[in-house]
């Protein structure tokens, strides 16, 4: 499982896939979402720029990303 530390309120789903190296580009990330290859909290997500927030779990291509809050901000 990949732990992603969120430094803002949210990250767009396609950007998260790119940042974590699951997608080579934002465009590829958007294509993966459009093809139904991505789940968020166990549900297929088709919104390419869905706002992913702390506490959510994203799965794609056999990879699991747990989105965590940056507690240093609190």
N, C-alpha and C. Protein backbone atom coordinates (compact mmCIF):
# COMPACT_ATOMS: atom_id res chain seq x y z
N UNK A 1 0.85 -1.19 0.00
CA UNK A 1 0.00 0.00 0.00
C UNK A 1 0.89 1.24 0.00
N UNK A 2 0.52 2.20 -0.80
CA UNK A 2 1.23 3.48 -0.90
C UNK A 2 0.54 4.47 0.03
N UNK A 3 1.30 5.17 0.85
CA UNK A 3 0.75 6.23 1.69
C UNK A 3 1.05 7.57 1.00
N UNK A 4 0.01 8.32 0.72
CA UNK A 4 0.17 9.64 0.10
C UNK A 4 -0.20 10.69 1.13
N UNK A 5 0.72 11.59 1.44
CA UNK A 5 0.47 12.66 2.41
C UNK A 5 -0.10 13.86 1.66
N UNK A 6 -1.29 14.24 2.03
CA UNK A 6 -2.00 15.34 1.38
C UNK A 6 -1.66 16.65 2.09
N UNK A 7 -1.12 17.61 1.34
CA UNK A 7 -0.73 18.90 1.92
C UNK A 7 -1.74 19.99 1.67
N UNK A 8 -2.81 19.68 0.95
CA UNK A 8 -3.88 20.63 0.66
C UNK A 8 -5.20 19.96 1.04
N UNK A 9 -6.32 20.62 0.78
CA UNK A 9 -7.63 20.04 1.12
C UNK A 9 -7.93 18.79 0.30
N UNK A 10 -7.47 18.78 -0.96
CA UNK A 10 -7.75 17.65 -1.83
C UNK A 10 -6.74 17.62 -2.98
N UNK A 11 -6.75 16.49 -3.71
CA UNK A 11 -5.97 16.37 -4.95
C UNK A 11 -6.90 15.76 -5.99
N UNK A 12 -6.80 16.22 -7.22
CA UNK A 12 -7.61 15.65 -8.30
C UNK A 12 -7.16 14.21 -8.54
N UNK A 13 -8.11 13.34 -8.78
CA UNK A 13 -7.82 11.92 -8.96
C UNK A 13 -6.77 11.67 -10.04
N UNK A 14 -6.91 12.29 -11.20
CA UNK A 14 -5.94 12.07 -12.28
C UNK A 14 -4.54 12.54 -11.87
N UNK A 15 -4.46 13.61 -11.07
CA UNK A 15 -3.16 14.10 -10.60
C UNK A 15 -2.54 13.13 -9.59
N UNK A 16 -3.36 12.54 -8.73
CA UNK A 16 -2.85 11.57 -7.76
C UNK A 16 -2.24 10.37 -8.48
N UNK A 17 -2.91 9.89 -9.51
CA UNK A 17 -2.38 8.75 -10.27
C UNK A 17 -1.04 9.09 -10.91
N UNK A 18 -0.91 10.33 -11.40
CA UNK A 18 0.34 10.77 -12.02
C UNK A 18 1.44 10.92 -10.97
N UNK A 19 1.15 11.58 -9.87
CA UNK A 19 2.15 11.83 -8.82
C UNK A 19 2.69 10.52 -8.26
N UNK A 20 1.84 9.53 -8.11
CA UNK A 20 2.27 8.25 -7.53
C UNK A 20 2.85 7.30 -8.57
N UNK A 21 2.93 7.72 -9.83
CA UNK A 21 3.60 6.92 -10.85
C UNK A 21 2.76 5.79 -11.43
N UNK A 22 1.48 5.75 -11.10
CA UNK A 22 0.60 4.73 -11.68
C UNK A 22 0.29 5.10 -13.12
N UNK A 23 0.11 6.40 -13.36
CA UNK A 23 -0.07 6.92 -14.72
C UNK A 23 1.18 7.71 -15.09
N UNK A 24 1.60 7.61 -16.35
CA UNK A 24 2.79 8.34 -16.79
C UNK A 24 2.52 9.83 -16.99
N UNK A 25 1.24 10.17 -17.18
CA UNK A 25 0.87 11.57 -17.39
C UNK A 25 -0.55 11.79 -16.87
N UNK A 26 -0.92 13.06 -16.76
CA UNK A 26 -2.29 13.38 -16.37
C UNK A 26 -3.28 12.85 -17.38
N UNK A 27 -2.91 12.92 -18.65
CA UNK A 27 -3.79 12.41 -19.72
C UNK A 27 -4.01 10.91 -19.59
N UNK A 28 -2.95 10.18 -19.29
CA UNK A 28 -3.10 8.74 -19.11
C UNK A 28 -3.96 8.45 -17.88
N UNK A 29 -3.77 9.24 -16.82
CA UNK A 29 -4.59 9.09 -15.62
C UNK A 29 -6.06 9.30 -15.92
N UNK A 30 -6.36 10.32 -16.72
CA UNK A 30 -7.75 10.59 -17.10
C UNK A 30 -8.33 9.44 -17.91
N UNK A 31 -7.52 8.87 -18.81
CA UNK A 31 -7.97 7.74 -19.62
C UNK A 31 -8.26 6.53 -18.74
N UNK A 32 -7.41 6.27 -17.74
CA UNK A 32 -7.62 5.15 -16.83
C UNK A 32 -8.95 5.31 -16.08
N UNK A 33 -9.22 6.53 -15.63
CA UNK A 33 -10.48 6.80 -14.92
C UNK A 33 -11.66 6.59 -15.87
N UNK A 34 -11.56 7.14 -17.08
CA UNK A 34 -12.65 7.04 -18.05
C UNK A 34 -12.95 5.58 -18.42
N UNK A 35 -11.92 4.73 -18.40
CA UNK A 35 -12.09 3.32 -18.74
C UNK A 35 -12.59 2.49 -17.56
N UNK A 36 -12.83 3.12 -16.41
CA UNK A 36 -13.35 2.41 -15.25
C UNK A 36 -12.32 1.57 -14.53
N UNK A 37 -11.04 1.94 -14.66
CA UNK A 37 -9.96 1.17 -14.05
C UNK A 37 -9.64 1.60 -12.62
N UNK A 38 -10.33 2.63 -12.12
CA UNK A 38 -9.99 3.21 -10.83
C UNK A 38 -11.18 3.11 -9.87
N UNK A 39 -10.88 2.70 -8.63
CA UNK A 39 -11.92 2.73 -7.60
C UNK A 39 -11.48 3.66 -6.48
N UNK A 40 -12.47 4.32 -5.88
CA UNK A 40 -12.26 5.17 -4.72
C UNK A 40 -13.17 4.64 -3.63
N UNK A 41 -12.59 4.25 -2.52
CA UNK A 41 -13.34 3.66 -1.41
C UNK A 41 -14.21 2.50 -1.87
N UNK A 42 -13.66 1.69 -2.80
CA UNK A 42 -14.33 0.48 -3.24
C UNK A 42 -15.36 0.66 -4.34
N UNK A 43 -15.59 1.88 -4.78
CA UNK A 43 -16.58 2.17 -5.83
C UNK A 43 -15.85 2.67 -7.08
N UNK A 44 -16.27 2.19 -8.24
CA UNK A 44 -15.68 2.67 -9.49
C UNK A 44 -15.93 4.17 -9.60
N UNK A 45 -14.87 4.90 -9.90
CA UNK A 45 -14.95 6.36 -10.03
C UNK A 45 -14.72 6.75 -11.47
N UNK A 46 -15.67 7.46 -12.06
CA UNK A 46 -15.57 7.87 -13.46
C UNK A 46 -15.32 9.37 -13.63
N UNK A 47 -15.26 10.11 -12.54
CA UNK A 47 -14.97 11.55 -12.63
C UNK A 47 -13.46 11.72 -12.61
N UNK A 48 -12.91 12.19 -13.71
CA UNK A 48 -11.45 12.27 -13.86
C UNK A 48 -10.80 13.18 -12.83
N UNK A 49 -11.49 14.26 -12.48
CA UNK A 49 -10.90 15.22 -11.54
C UNK A 49 -11.63 15.17 -10.19
N UNK A 50 -12.14 13.99 -9.82
CA UNK A 50 -12.79 13.85 -8.51
C UNK A 50 -11.84 14.33 -7.43
N UNK A 51 -12.37 15.04 -6.45
CA UNK A 51 -11.55 15.56 -5.35
C UNK A 51 -11.30 14.44 -4.35
N UNK A 52 -10.04 14.04 -4.24
CA UNK A 52 -9.65 12.98 -3.31
C UNK A 52 -9.14 13.64 -2.04
N UNK A 53 -9.74 13.26 -0.93
CA UNK A 53 -9.43 13.88 0.36
C UNK A 53 -8.81 12.87 1.32
N UNK A 54 -8.24 13.38 2.40
CA UNK A 54 -7.63 12.52 3.42
C UNK A 54 -8.63 11.48 3.91
N UNK A 55 -8.15 10.26 4.08
CA UNK A 55 -8.99 9.17 4.57
C UNK A 55 -9.51 8.28 3.46
N UNK A 56 -9.38 8.71 2.21
CA UNK A 56 -9.88 7.91 1.10
C UNK A 56 -8.83 6.92 0.62
N UNK A 57 -9.30 5.84 0.01
CA UNK A 57 -8.43 4.81 -0.55
C UNK A 57 -8.71 4.69 -2.04
N UNK A 58 -7.66 4.82 -2.83
CA UNK A 58 -7.76 4.75 -4.29
C UNK A 58 -7.04 3.48 -4.75
N UNK A 59 -7.67 2.73 -5.65
CA UNK A 59 -7.05 1.53 -6.20
C UNK A 59 -7.05 1.60 -7.72
N UNK A 60 -5.92 1.20 -8.31
CA UNK A 60 -5.78 1.19 -9.77
C UNK A 60 -4.60 0.30 -10.14
N UNK A 61 -4.78 -0.55 -11.13
CA UNK A 61 -3.71 -1.39 -11.66
C UNK A 61 -3.01 -2.21 -10.56
N UNK A 62 -3.76 -2.70 -9.60
CA UNK A 62 -3.20 -3.51 -8.54
C UNK A 62 -2.49 -2.72 -7.45
N UNK A 63 -2.50 -1.41 -7.56
CA UNK A 63 -1.87 -0.54 -6.56
C UNK A 63 -2.96 0.07 -5.67
N UNK A 64 -2.66 0.20 -4.39
CA UNK A 64 -3.59 0.83 -3.44
C UNK A 64 -2.91 2.04 -2.84
N UNK A 65 -3.62 3.17 -2.88
CA UNK A 65 -3.10 4.42 -2.31
C UNK A 65 -4.01 4.83 -1.17
N UNK A 66 -3.45 4.98 0.02
CA UNK A 66 -4.18 5.50 1.18
C UNK A 66 -3.80 6.96 1.31
N UNK A 67 -4.79 7.85 1.26
CA UNK A 67 -4.54 9.29 1.32
C UNK A 67 -4.62 9.72 2.80
N UNK A 68 -3.53 10.30 3.26
CA UNK A 68 -3.41 10.71 4.66
C UNK A 68 -3.29 12.22 4.77
N UNK A 69 -3.81 12.75 5.89
CA UNK A 69 -3.69 14.19 6.14
C UNK A 69 -2.27 14.49 6.62
N UNK A 70 -1.80 15.68 6.28
CA UNK A 70 -0.51 16.16 6.79
C UNK A 70 -0.78 16.76 8.15
N UNK A 71 -0.52 16.01 9.21
CA UNK A 71 -0.84 16.46 10.57
C UNK A 71 0.05 17.60 11.04
N UNK A 72 1.09 17.92 10.31
CA UNK A 72 1.95 19.03 10.68
C UNK A 72 1.22 20.35 10.57
N UNK A 73 0.15 20.38 9.76
CA UNK A 73 -0.63 21.61 9.58
C UNK A 73 -1.55 21.90 10.76
N UNK A 74 -1.76 20.91 11.62
CA UNK A 74 -2.75 21.07 12.68
C UNK A 74 -2.11 21.51 13.97
